[in-house]
C-alpha atoms as a PDB file:
ATOM      1  CA  MET A   1     102.472  94.411 117.213  1.00  0.00           C
ATOM      2  CA  LYS A   2     102.177  91.326 115.708  1.00  0.00           C
ATOM      3  CA  ASP A   3     101.118  93.072 112.173  1.00  0.00           C
ATOM      4  CA  PHE A   4     103.966  95.012 112.586  1.00  0.00           C
ATOM      5  CA  ALA A   5     106.151  91.946 112.752  1.00  0.00           C
ATOM      6  CA  GLU A   6     104.059  90.784 109.422  1.00  0.00           C
ATOM      7  CA  VAL A   7     104.932  93.575 107.959  1.00  0.00           C
ATOM      8  CA  MET A   8     109.084  93.422 109.305  1.00  0.00           C
ATOM      9  CA  LYS A   9     109.249  90.087 107.904  1.00  0.00           C
ATOM     10  CA  GLN A  10     107.321  91.057 104.091  1.00  0.00           C
ATOM     11  CA  ALA A  11     110.085  94.140 104.179  1.00  0.00           C
ATOM     12  CA  LYS A  12     112.836  91.967 104.742  1.00  0.00           C
ATOM     13  CA  GLY A  13     114.096  94.066 107.726  1.00  0.00           C
ATOM     14  CA  ASP A  14     113.695  97.429 105.783  1.00  0.00           C
ATOM     15  CA  VAL A  15     112.478  99.560 108.765  1.00  0.00           C
ATOM     16  CA  ASN A  16     111.187 102.306 106.553  1.00  0.00           C
ATOM     17  CA  LEU A  17     109.951  99.991 103.760  1.00  0.00           C
ATOM     18  CA  ALA A  18     107.709  98.792 106.572  1.00  0.00           C
ATOM     19  CA  LEU A  19     106.884 101.760 108.385  1.00  0.00           C
ATOM     20  CA  GLN A  20     105.805 103.017 105.365  1.00  0.00           C
ATOM     21  CA  SER A  21     103.658  99.734 104.541  1.00  0.00           C
ATOM     22  CA  TYR A  22     101.914  99.452 108.093  1.00  0.00           C
ATOM     23  CA  ASN A  23     100.559 102.791 107.065  1.00  0.00           C
ATOM     24  CA  PHE A  24      99.965 102.047 103.436  1.00  0.00           C
ATOM     25  CA  GLY A  25      99.126  98.629 103.719  1.00  0.00           C
ATOM     26  CA  ASP A  26     100.925  95.482 102.450  1.00  0.00           C
ATOM     27  CA  GLY A  27     100.354  96.275  99.360  1.00  0.00           C
ATOM     28  CA  PHE A  28     102.857  98.813  98.899  1.00  0.00           C
ATOM     29  CA  ILE A  29     105.478  96.417  99.698  1.00  0.00           C
ATOM     30  CA  GLY A  30     105.355  94.824  96.488  1.00  0.00           C
ATOM     31  CA  TYR A  31     105.253  98.518  94.595  1.00  0.00           C
ATOM     32  CA  ALA A  32     108.086  99.713  95.946  1.00  0.00           C
ATOM     33  CA  LEU A  33     110.351  96.562  95.843  1.00  0.00           C
ATOM     34  CA  GLU A  34     109.557  96.819  92.115  1.00  0.00           C
ATOM     35  CA  ARG A  35     110.687 100.204  91.733  1.00  0.00           C
ATOM     36  CA  GLY A  36     114.117  99.795  93.918  1.00  0.00           C
ATOM     37  CA  GLY A  37     112.486 100.062  97.532  1.00  0.00           C
ATOM     38  CA  TYR A  38     111.692 102.505  99.707  1.00  0.00           C
ATOM     39  CA  SER A  39     111.990 106.266  98.823  1.00  0.00           C
ATOM     40  CA  LYS A  40     109.604 109.294  99.828  1.00  0.00           C
ATOM     41  CA  GLU A  41     109.320 109.178  95.682  1.00  0.00           C
ATOM     42  CA  VAL A  42     107.870 105.865  95.311  1.00  0.00           C
ATOM     43  CA  ALA A  43     105.596 106.655  98.760  1.00  0.00           C
ATOM     44  CA  THR A  44     104.419 109.728  96.898  1.00  0.00           C
ATOM     45  CA  GLN A  45     103.826 107.530  93.748  1.00  0.00           C
ATOM     46  CA  PHE A  46     101.988 105.185  95.754  1.00  0.00           C
ATOM     47  CA  SER A  47      99.650 107.610  97.464  1.00  0.00           C
ATOM     48  CA  TYR A  48      98.809 109.260  94.498  1.00  0.00           C
ATOM     49  CA  ARG A  49      98.191 105.743  92.394  1.00  0.00           C
ATOM     50  CA  MET A  50      95.959 104.584  95.106  1.00  0.00           C
ATOM     51  CA  ALA A  51      94.159 108.218  95.934  1.00  0.00           C
ATOM     52  CA  ALA A  52      93.016 108.123  91.867  1.00  0.00           C
ATOM     53  CA  ARG A  53      91.757 104.519  91.959  1.00  0.00           C
ATOM     54  CA  GLU A  54      89.917 105.074  95.133  1.00  0.00           C
ATOM     55  CA  GLY A  55      88.279 108.181  93.909  1.00  0.00           C
ATOM     56  CA  TRP A  56      90.023 110.336  97.113  1.00  0.00           C
ATOM     57  CA  SER A  57      91.678 113.367  97.273  1.00  0.00           C
ATOM     58  CA  ARG A  58      94.552 111.636  98.956  1.00  0.00           C
ATOM     59  CA  TYR A  59      95.561 108.024 100.210  1.00  0.00           C
ATOM     60  CA  GLY A  60      97.686 107.447 103.785  1.00  0.00           C
ATOM     61  CA  ASP A  61     100.533 109.662 104.592  1.00  0.00           C
ATOM     62  CA  VAL A  62     103.473 110.064 102.324  1.00  0.00           C
ATOM     63  CA  ASN A  63     105.499 111.431 105.556  1.00  0.00           C
ATOM     64  CA  TYR A  64     104.888 108.704 107.742  1.00  0.00           C
ATOM     65  CA  VAL A  65     108.445 107.444 108.174  1.00  0.00           C
ATOM     66  CA  ASP A  66     109.432 111.095 109.056  1.00  0.00           C
ATOM     67  CA  HIS A  67     106.761 111.236 111.632  1.00  0.00           C
ATOM     68  CA  VAL A  68     107.616 108.156 113.066  1.00  0.00           C
ATOM     69  CA  MET A  69     111.473 108.303 112.873  1.00  0.00           C
ATOM     70  CA  GLN A  70     111.551 112.114 114.088  1.00  0.00           C
ATOM     71  CA  TYR A  71     111.675 110.065 117.660  1.00  0.00           C
ATOM     72  CA  TYR A  72     114.563 107.781 116.541  1.00  0.00           C
ATOM     73  CA  ASN A  73     118.332 109.317 117.886  1.00  0.00           C
ATOM     74  CA  GLY A  74     120.411 107.232 115.017  1.00  0.00           C
ATOM     75  CA  GLY A  75     123.285 109.140 117.256  1.00  0.00           C
ATOM     76  CA  ASN A  76     122.988 107.079 119.897  1.00  0.00           C
ATOM     77  CA  GLY A  77     120.476 104.424 118.892  1.00  0.00           C
ATOM     78  CA  SER A  78     117.759 104.993 121.305  1.00  0.00           C
ATOM     79  CA  VAL A  79     114.039 106.550 121.370  1.00  0.00           C
ATOM     80  CA  VAL A  80     112.809 108.551 123.948  1.00  0.00           C
ATOM     81  CA  VAL A  81     109.390 107.635 125.230  1.00  0.00           C
ATOM     82  CA  MET A  82     106.871 110.124 124.788  1.00  0.00           C
ATOM     83  CA  GLY A  83     105.276 111.265 128.057  1.00  0.00           C
ATOM     84  CA  ASP A  84     107.855 113.004 130.524  1.00  0.00           C
ATOM     85  CA  GLY A  85     110.592 112.033 128.597  1.00  0.00           C
ATOM     86  CA  SER A  86     112.627 110.173 130.878  1.00  0.00           C
ATOM     87  CA  GLN A  87     112.391 106.825 129.683  1.00  0.00           C
ATOM     88  CA  SER A  88     114.533 105.153 126.849  1.00  0.00           C
ATOM     89  CA  PHE A  89     115.133 101.866 125.043  1.00  0.00           C
ATOM     90  CA  ASP A  90     117.694 100.684 122.178  1.00  0.00           C
ATOM     91  CA  VAL A  91     116.205 100.182 119.413  1.00  0.00           C
ATOM     92  CA  GLU A  92     118.836  98.021 117.846  1.00  0.00           C
ATOM     93  CA  GLU A  93     118.294  95.871 121.017  1.00  0.00           C
ATOM     94  CA  VAL A  94     114.681  95.680 120.647  1.00  0.00           C
ATOM     95  CA  HIS A  95     114.801  94.760 116.652  1.00  0.00           C
ATOM     96  CA  ASN A  96     116.884  92.543 117.457  1.00  0.00           C
ATOM     97  CA  ILE A  97     114.971  90.531 120.185  1.00  0.00           C
ATOM     98  CA  MET A  98     111.928  90.728 117.702  1.00  0.00           C
ATOM     99  CA  LYS A  99     113.819  89.261 114.868  1.00  0.00           C
ATOM    100  CA  GLN A 100     114.348  86.212 117.290  1.00  0.00           C
ATOM    101  CA  TYR A 101     110.569  85.350 117.430  1.00  0.00           C
ATOM    102  CA  LEU A 102     109.438  85.766 113.636  1.00  0.00           C
ATOM    103  CA  GLY A 103     107.367  83.088 112.141  1.00  0.00           C
ATOM    104  CA  ARG A 104     106.311  82.249 115.854  1.00  0.00           C
ATOM    105  CA  PRO A 105     102.674  81.985 116.463  1.00  0.00           C
ATOM    106  CA  TYR A 106     100.485  84.885 117.834  1.00  0.00           C
ATOM    107  CA  VAL A 107      98.638  83.869 120.777  1.00  0.00           C
ATOM    108  CA  TRP A 108      96.000  86.092 122.500  1.00  0.00           C
ATOM    109  CA  GLY A 109      97.072  87.216 125.950  1.00  0.00           C
ATOM    110  CA  GLY A 110      99.997  84.483 125.768  1.00  0.00           C
ATOM    111  CA  ARG A 111     103.200  85.217 128.027  1.00  0.00           C
ATOM    112  CA  THR A 112     105.589  83.402 126.869  1.00  0.00           C
ATOM    113  CA  PRO A 113     107.149  81.848 123.194  1.00  0.00           C
ATOM    114  CA  ALA A 114     107.774  78.800 125.355  1.00  0.00           C
ATOM    115  CA  ALA A 115     104.216  78.466 126.045  1.00  0.00           C
ATOM    116  CA  GLY A 116     103.661  78.181 122.406  1.00  0.00           C
ATOM    117  CA  GLY A 117     103.051  81.950 121.206  1.00  0.00           C
ATOM    118  CA  PHE A 118     102.744  85.260 122.467  1.00  0.00           C
ATOM    119  CA  ASP A 119     101.170  88.499 122.355  1.00  0.00           C
END
């Protein structure tokens, strides 16, 4: 969670950019912002560029945002937690709560922000 919170901060709250960067690495954020932000086309270009640089056949998952967002139901703001499908939570509420704690220190096993940091 700490890693994703940092990526969200760098992506200035752009969930799609943060998700794709979480898959590609934080170098994607600057690359995408120089090209107008996240798009599937920008993700594909970055993937080809990095694969060529590394000598690989492919780099990351250009469909990562789609794969993650398939669990998001934009109609009611909830996400169904996989398993038996009986649990859900409000993504916007969770996102708003998370934003309150950006910049707070990470403490392994920490239980509360008031205790100097949390996990």
